[in-house]
Amino acid sequence: MKKSILALAVLGAFAGAASAQSSVTIYGKLNAELGKDLGTADKALMDRAGSRLGFRGVEDLGGGLKATFGIEHRFNPASGAANANFWNGYSTAGLQGSFGWVRVGRDYTPAFLMIQNQIDPFGGDTVAHLRDIGMRVGGITKVRSASMVEYHIGMSGFNFGAQIAESNTNGGGKRPVSFAANYAAGPLFVGAGYEDPNGSNDKQWSLGGRYNFGAATVSAGFSKGTTQANADAKGFLVGVNVPVGAADLKAGFASQKVGSTTVSSKLGLGVHYNLSKRTKVFADFGRDSKLATEKTGYDFGVQHNF
């Protein structure tokens, strides 16, 4: 009996050590909003935030070296339908240490993740979103790259990322590259990024920042580039988020010009009320004065994160 108890204790100790050396996190987002998008008269159940289910993990290999992985599935909560790419969010494997981290697979571009997605007070979500107008101009940039290799490092609030991917054209175009740097400390965030997709002419750089004054967080950004058709494209975005109790009052404006034509000029307004740290309800309004028809849109929704 004593030997059995001792054996169980030893096995328990080994199991505890093994579990301490590796971990897997399950996370997700469920987002549903009822409303009308800009540019259409149709009312529908929408998901502008991108509902998802993800898994990420890390294994301690010893000597400060760790193995990492991440996979994220995107789906439509209204129908349950999956995206054409099952792991559409990202799918990566890599190594991490004092040198930073290296990952391979499919992932967000550094220019998108570290700067373009950081300035919009709506985070690119809801009908009021401004990111794709002020920070991603002329249809130049990509959100993600497949068959990529990337390197990131961070220290003392400074972060740097660089990525190169296989060409996504059958004609053997350039290898897409993207890099970005940002600095985040206390209330301040500033960053800049550059992206050169696989076309012969397309490229874009972006810069922006935000500052939390306590009573409000103010953000501003600017992007400029050249389209594949060799046309100049540029845009800007300004935004503010004002916390009032459990609510966040959001507002912003973004404009985009391609060549000499202003193709988009959009106002976004929203109220997001936090029921808890993980659940909120929201209502938003957007108006783009440059749309030919249906210049306005609205939504009412709920979002839960786990």
Protein backbone atom coordinates (compact mmCIF):
# COMPACT_ATOMS: atom_id res chain seq x y z
CA MET A 1 0.00 0.00 0.00
CA LYS A 2 2.82 2.36 0.95
CA LYS A 3 4.64 1.53 -2.30
CA SER A 4 1.49 2.34 -4.31
CA ILE A 5 1.09 5.68 -2.56
CA LEU A 6 4.77 6.48 -3.18
CA ALA A 7 4.48 5.56 -6.86
CA LEU A 8 1.41 7.78 -7.28
CA ALA A 9 3.21 10.67 -5.59
CA VAL A 10 6.20 10.32 -7.94
CA LEU A 11 3.94 10.17 -11.01
CA GLY A 12 2.06 13.22 -9.76
CA ALA A 13 5.30 15.14 -9.37
CA PHE A 14 6.37 14.28 -12.94
CA ALA A 15 2.95 15.25 -14.29
CA GLY A 16 3.14 18.59 -12.48
CA ALA A 17 6.58 19.27 -13.94
CA ALA A 18 5.40 18.39 -17.45
CA SER A 19 2.34 20.63 -17.23
CA ALA A 20 4.48 23.51 -15.96
CA GLN A 21 6.70 23.27 -19.05
CA SER A 22 3.94 23.68 -21.63
CA SER A 23 0.55 25.35 -21.91
CA VAL A 24 -2.30 25.72 -24.39
CA THR A 25 -4.78 28.60 -24.32
CA ILE A 26 -8.24 28.42 -25.89
CA TYR A 27 -9.83 31.78 -26.70
CA GLY A 28 -12.50 33.26 -28.92
CA LYS A 29 -14.89 36.03 -29.84
CA LEU A 30 -18.61 35.90 -30.64
CA ASN A 31 -19.92 39.04 -32.30
CA ALA A 32 -23.36 39.69 -33.77
CA GLU A 33 -24.88 42.99 -34.87
CA LEU A 34 -28.13 43.87 -36.56
CA GLY A 35 -28.07 46.82 -38.92
CA LYS A 36 -27.48 48.25 -42.37
CA ASP A 37 -24.04 48.59 -43.92
CA LEU A 38 -22.95 51.60 -45.94
CA GLY A 39 -23.55 51.29 -49.67
CA THR A 40 -26.60 49.02 -49.38
CA ALA A 41 -30.27 49.34 -48.41
CA ASP A 42 -30.39 45.77 -47.05
CA LYS A 43 -30.83 45.16 -43.32
CA ALA A 44 -28.98 42.11 -42.09
CA LEU A 45 -27.34 40.29 -39.18
CA MET A 46 -23.67 41.18 -39.57
CA ASP A 47 -20.32 40.37 -37.98
CA ARG A 48 -17.88 43.21 -38.63
CA ALA A 49 -15.56 42.18 -35.77
CA GLY A 50 -14.78 38.68 -37.07
CA SER A 51 -16.05 35.94 -34.74
CA ARG A 52 -13.31 33.42 -34.05
CA LEU A 53 -12.07 30.39 -32.14
CA GLY A 54 -8.36 30.11 -31.51
CA PHE A 55 -5.69 27.96 -29.88
CA ARG A 56 -2.20 29.11 -28.95
CA GLY A 57 0.48 27.34 -26.99
CA VAL A 58 4.04 27.41 -25.74
CA GLU A 59 6.47 24.69 -24.68
CA ASP A 60 9.56 25.36 -22.59
CA LEU A 61 12.52 23.70 -24.31
CA GLY A 62 15.04 24.75 -21.68
CA GLY A 63 17.87 27.25 -21.76
CA GLY A 64 15.43 30.11 -22.33
CA LEU A 65 14.18 28.64 -25.62
CA LYS A 66 10.47 28.04 -26.21
CA ALA A 67 8.43 26.49 -29.02
CA THR A 68 5.20 28.29 -29.95
CA PHE A 69 2.17 27.67 -32.11
CA GLY A 70 -1.08 29.45 -32.93
CA ILE A 71 -4.14 28.63 -35.04
CA GLU A 72 -7.29 30.76 -35.35
CA HIS A 73 -10.54 29.80 -37.07
CA ARG A 74 -12.99 32.44 -38.39
CA PHE A 75 -16.70 31.81 -38.94
CA ASN A 76 -20.05 33.50 -39.48
CA PRO A 77 -22.11 33.33 -36.25
CA ALA A 78 -25.38 33.92 -38.12
CA SER A 79 -25.05 30.73 -40.19
CA GLY A 80 -22.15 28.84 -38.60
CA ALA A 81 -20.41 28.79 -41.98
CA ALA A 82 -16.61 28.66 -41.96
CA ASN A 83 -14.33 30.96 -43.90
CA ALA A 84 -12.84 29.55 -47.12
CA ASN A 85 -9.54 29.28 -45.20
CA PHE A 86 -10.44 27.24 -42.12
CA TRP A 87 -7.56 28.74 -40.12
CA ASN A 88 -8.19 32.15 -41.67
CA GLY A 89 -7.03 34.19 -38.67
CA TYR A 90 -3.53 32.75 -38.65
CA SER A 91 -1.65 29.46 -38.45
CA THR A 92 1.95 29.64 -37.25
CA ALA A 93 4.71 27.66 -35.57
CA GLY A 94 7.90 29.14 -34.22
CA LEU A 95 10.66 29.56 -31.67
CA GLN A 96 11.00 32.23 -28.99
CA GLY A 97 13.88 33.30 -26.77
CA SER A 98 15.98 36.24 -25.63
CA PHE A 99 16.61 36.93 -29.32
CA GLY A 100 12.91 37.63 -29.90
CA TRP A 101 10.70 35.23 -31.81
CA VAL A 102 10.56 33.70 -35.27
CA ARG A 103 7.39 32.25 -36.81
CA VAL A 104 6.49 30.59 -40.09
CA GLY A 105 3.09 29.98 -41.71
CA ARG A 106 0.22 32.43 -42.25
CA ASP A 107 0.02 35.60 -40.15
CA TYR A 108 -0.84 39.29 -40.03
CA THR A 109 1.62 41.63 -41.71
CA PRO A 110 3.63 43.73 -39.21
CA ALA A 111 2.47 46.95 -40.92
CA PHE A 112 -1.16 45.99 -40.30
CA LEU A 113 -0.82 44.51 -36.83
CA MET A 114 1.59 47.04 -35.33
CA ILE A 115 0.40 50.33 -36.82
CA GLN A 116 -2.59 50.29 -39.25
CA ASN A 117 -4.84 48.45 -36.78
CA GLN A 118 -3.77 50.55 -33.80
CA ILE A 119 -5.15 53.99 -34.70
CA ASP A 120 -8.87 53.47 -35.39
CA PRO A 121 -10.91 53.97 -32.17
CA PHE A 122 -13.30 51.31 -33.54
CA GLY A 123 -10.48 48.81 -34.10
CA GLY A 124 -11.63 48.22 -37.67
CA ASP A 125 -14.96 46.86 -36.37
CA THR A 126 -18.64 47.91 -36.82
CA VAL A 127 -20.14 50.06 -39.59
CA ALA A 128 -18.31 53.06 -38.07
CA HIS A 129 -14.83 51.61 -38.71
CA LEU A 130 -12.24 53.97 -40.20
CA ARG A 131 -9.07 51.88 -40.47
CA ASP A 132 -9.57 50.72 -44.06
CA ILE A 133 -10.11 54.30 -45.24
CA GLY A 134 -7.48 56.32 -43.43
CA MET A 135 -4.74 53.73 -42.84
CA ARG A 136 -5.06 51.25 -45.74
CA VAL A 137 -5.26 53.24 -48.97
CA GLY A 138 -5.77 52.42 -52.64
CA GLY A 139 -6.25 48.69 -52.08
CA ILE A 140 -2.47 48.39 -51.70
CA THR A 141 -1.92 46.58 -48.43
CA LYS A 142 -2.70 43.08 -47.18
CA VAL A 143 -4.00 42.07 -43.77
CA ARG A 144 -2.19 38.72 -43.78
CA SER A 145 0.47 36.87 -45.75
CA ALA A 146 0.63 33.13 -46.39
CA SER A 147 3.84 31.09 -46.66
CA MET A 148 5.70 33.73 -44.68
CA VAL A 149 8.63 33.96 -42.28
CA GLU A 150 8.62 36.72 -39.67
CA TYR A 151 10.81 38.04 -36.88
CA HIS A 152 9.73 40.17 -33.91
CA ILE A 153 11.56 41.58 -30.92
CA GLY A 154 10.47 43.84 -28.08
CA MET A 155 12.32 45.58 -25.26
CA SER A 156 11.61 48.52 -22.95
CA GLY A 157 8.42 49.43 -24.76
CA PHE A 158 10.00 49.32 -28.23
CA ASN A 159 8.79 46.65 -30.69
CA PHE A 160 10.04 45.74 -34.16
CA GLY A 161 8.66 43.25 -36.68
CA ALA A 162 9.68 42.15 -40.18
CA GLN A 163 8.09 39.65 -42.55
CA ILE A 164 8.80 38.19 -45.99
CA ALA A 165 6.48 35.82 -47.88
CA GLU A 166 6.30 33.76 -51.03
CA SER A 167 4.92 35.55 -54.07
CA ASN A 168 1.16 34.98 -54.42
CA THR A 169 1.08 35.28 -58.21
CA ASN A 170 1.59 32.55 -60.78
CA GLY A 171 3.81 34.90 -62.75
CA GLY A 172 6.46 34.90 -60.06
CA GLY A 173 6.08 38.46 -58.77
CA LYS A 174 8.11 40.02 -56.01
CA ARG A 175 8.13 38.48 -52.57
CA PRO A 176 5.85 40.59 -50.33
CA VAL A 177 7.69 42.28 -47.49
CA SER A 178 6.40 44.23 -44.50
CA PHE A 179 8.04 45.75 -41.46
CA ALA A 180 6.99 48.03 -38.63
CA ALA A 181 8.19 49.54 -35.37
CA ASN A 182 6.25 51.02 -32.50
CA TYR A 183 6.80 52.33 -29.00
CA ALA A 184 4.25 51.95 -26.21
CA ALA A 185 4.85 53.27 -22.70
CA GLY A 186 2.22 54.50 -20.27
CA PRO A 187 -0.33 56.68 -22.07
CA LEU A 188 1.75 57.03 -25.27
CA PHE A 189 1.77 54.91 -28.42
CA VAL A 190 3.59 55.84 -31.65
CA GLY A 191 4.48 53.69 -34.64
CA ALA A 192 5.40 53.47 -38.29
CA GLY A 193 5.18 50.72 -40.89
CA TYR A 194 6.01 49.93 -44.50
CA GLU A 195 4.63 47.33 -46.88
CA ASP A 196 5.71 46.31 -50.39
CA PRO A 197 3.32 43.69 -51.82
CA ASN A 198 4.21 41.51 -54.78
CA GLY A 199 3.24 43.97 -57.56
CA SER A 200 5.83 46.00 -59.43
CA ASN A 201 4.51 49.41 -58.31
CA ASP A 202 2.40 48.94 -55.17
CA LYS A 203 3.82 50.04 -51.84
CA GLN A 204 2.66 51.98 -48.78
CA TRP A 205 4.01 53.48 -45.57
CA SER A 206 1.97 54.45 -42.51
CA LEU A 207 2.57 56.33 -39.29
CA GLY A 208 0.41 57.26 -36.35
CA GLY A 209 0.00 57.52 -32.64
CA ARG A 210 -2.42 57.86 -29.76
CA TYR A 211 -2.29 59.37 -26.29
CA ASN A 212 -4.43 58.64 -23.25
CA PHE A 213 -5.12 61.89 -21.42
CA GLY A 214 -7.24 60.07 -18.84
CA ALA A 215 -10.49 61.79 -19.76
CA ALA A 216 -10.04 60.71 -23.40
CA THR A 217 -7.71 58.83 -25.74
CA VAL A 218 -6.93 60.76 -28.91
CA SER A 219 -5.47 59.08 -32.02
CA ALA A 220 -4.24 60.20 -35.43
CA GLY A 221 -2.63 58.47 -38.41
CA PHE A 222 -1.53 59.02 -41.99
CA SER A 223 -0.76 56.65 -44.88
CA LYS A 224 0.70 57.25 -48.32
CA GLY A 225 1.55 54.91 -51.16
CA THR A 226 1.47 53.97 -54.83
CA THR A 227 -1.07 51.56 -56.35
CA GLN A 228 -0.27 48.81 -58.84
CA ALA A 229 -1.67 51.17 -61.52
CA ASN A 230 1.05 53.63 -60.42
CA ALA A 231 -1.44 56.11 -58.95
CA ASP A 232 -0.68 58.04 -55.78
CA ALA A 233 -2.89 57.18 -52.80
CA LYS A 234 -3.05 58.76 -49.37
CA GLY A 235 -5.34 58.93 -46.37
CA PHE A 236 -5.62 60.19 -42.83
CA LEU A 237 -7.58 59.28 -39.71
CA VAL A 238 -8.36 61.12 -36.47
CA GLY A 239 -10.29 59.59 -33.60
CA VAL A 240 -11.22 59.85 -29.94
CA ASN A 241 -12.45 57.44 -27.28
CA VAL A 242 -14.05 58.92 -24.15
CA PRO A 243 -14.75 56.56 -21.21
CA VAL A 244 -17.88 57.49 -19.24
CA GLY A 245 -18.47 55.01 -16.45
CA ALA A 246 -18.88 51.59 -18.08
CA ALA A 247 -19.40 53.14 -21.53
CA ASP A 248 -16.95 54.18 -24.25
CA LEU A 249 -18.04 57.04 -26.50
CA LYS A 250 -16.22 56.76 -29.82
CA ALA A 251 -15.91 59.20 -32.72
CA GLY A 252 -13.62 59.64 -35.69
CA PHE A 253 -13.17 60.85 -39.23
CA ALA A 254 -11.12 59.41 -42.09
CA SER A 255 -10.52 60.43 -45.69
CA GLN A 256 -8.80 58.75 -48.64
CA LYS A 257 -7.64 60.12 -51.97
CA VAL A 258 -6.44 58.17 -55.04
CA GLY A 259 -4.82 60.37 -57.65
CA SER A 260 -6.64 63.70 -57.49
CA THR A 261 -9.98 62.17 -56.44
CA THR A 262 -11.24 61.88 -52.88
CA VAL A 263 -12.79 58.40 -52.98
CA SER A 264 -13.93 58.23 -49.36
CA SER A 265 -14.74 60.74 -46.62
CA LYS A 266 -16.25 59.02 -43.60
CA LEU A 267 -17.55 59.96 -40.16
CA GLY A 268 -17.93 57.28 -37.48
CA LEU A 269 -19.82 57.54 -34.16
CA GLY A 270 -20.48 54.87 -31.56
CA VAL A 271 -21.43 53.99 -27.99
CA HIS A 272 -19.99 50.76 -26.55
CA TYR A 273 -21.25 49.73 -23.11
CA ASN A 274 -19.23 47.17 -21.13
CA LEU A 275 -21.49 44.77 -19.24
CA SER A 276 -18.35 43.04 -17.91
CA LYS A 277 -14.67 42.72 -18.79
CA ARG A 278 -15.62 40.24 -21.55
CA THR A 279 -19.07 41.29 -22.76
CA LYS A 280 -20.35 44.52 -24.28
CA VAL A 281 -23.30 45.90 -26.22
CA PHE A 282 -22.84 48.59 -28.83
CA ALA A 283 -24.53 50.94 -31.26
CA ASP A 284 -22.74 52.68 -34.15
CA PHE A 285 -23.37 55.06 -37.02
CA GLY A 286 -21.29 55.70 -40.14
CA ARG A 287 -21.62 58.13 -43.03
CA ASP A 288 -19.41 58.32 -46.12
CA SER A 289 -20.26 61.42 -48.16
CA LYS A 290 -18.44 60.08 -51.24
CA LEU A 291 -20.66 57.03 -51.75
CA ALA A 292 -23.01 57.31 -54.72
CA THR A 293 -25.97 55.85 -52.82
CA GLU A 294 -26.81 54.72 -49.28
CA LYS A 295 -24.24 56.98 -47.69
CA THR A 296 -25.16 55.98 -44.12
CA GLY A 297 -25.12 52.79 -42.08
CA TYR A 298 -25.88 51.71 -38.51
CA ASP A 299 -25.68 48.70 -36.23
CA PHE A 300 -26.77 47.42 -32.80
CA GLY A 301 -24.92 44.44 -31.43
CA VAL A 302 -23.43 42.34 -28.66
CA GLN A 303 -19.92 40.92 -28.34
CA HIS A 304 -18.50 38.33 -25.95
CA ASN A 305 -14.82 37.49 -25.61
CA PHE A 306 -13.44 34.45 -23.82
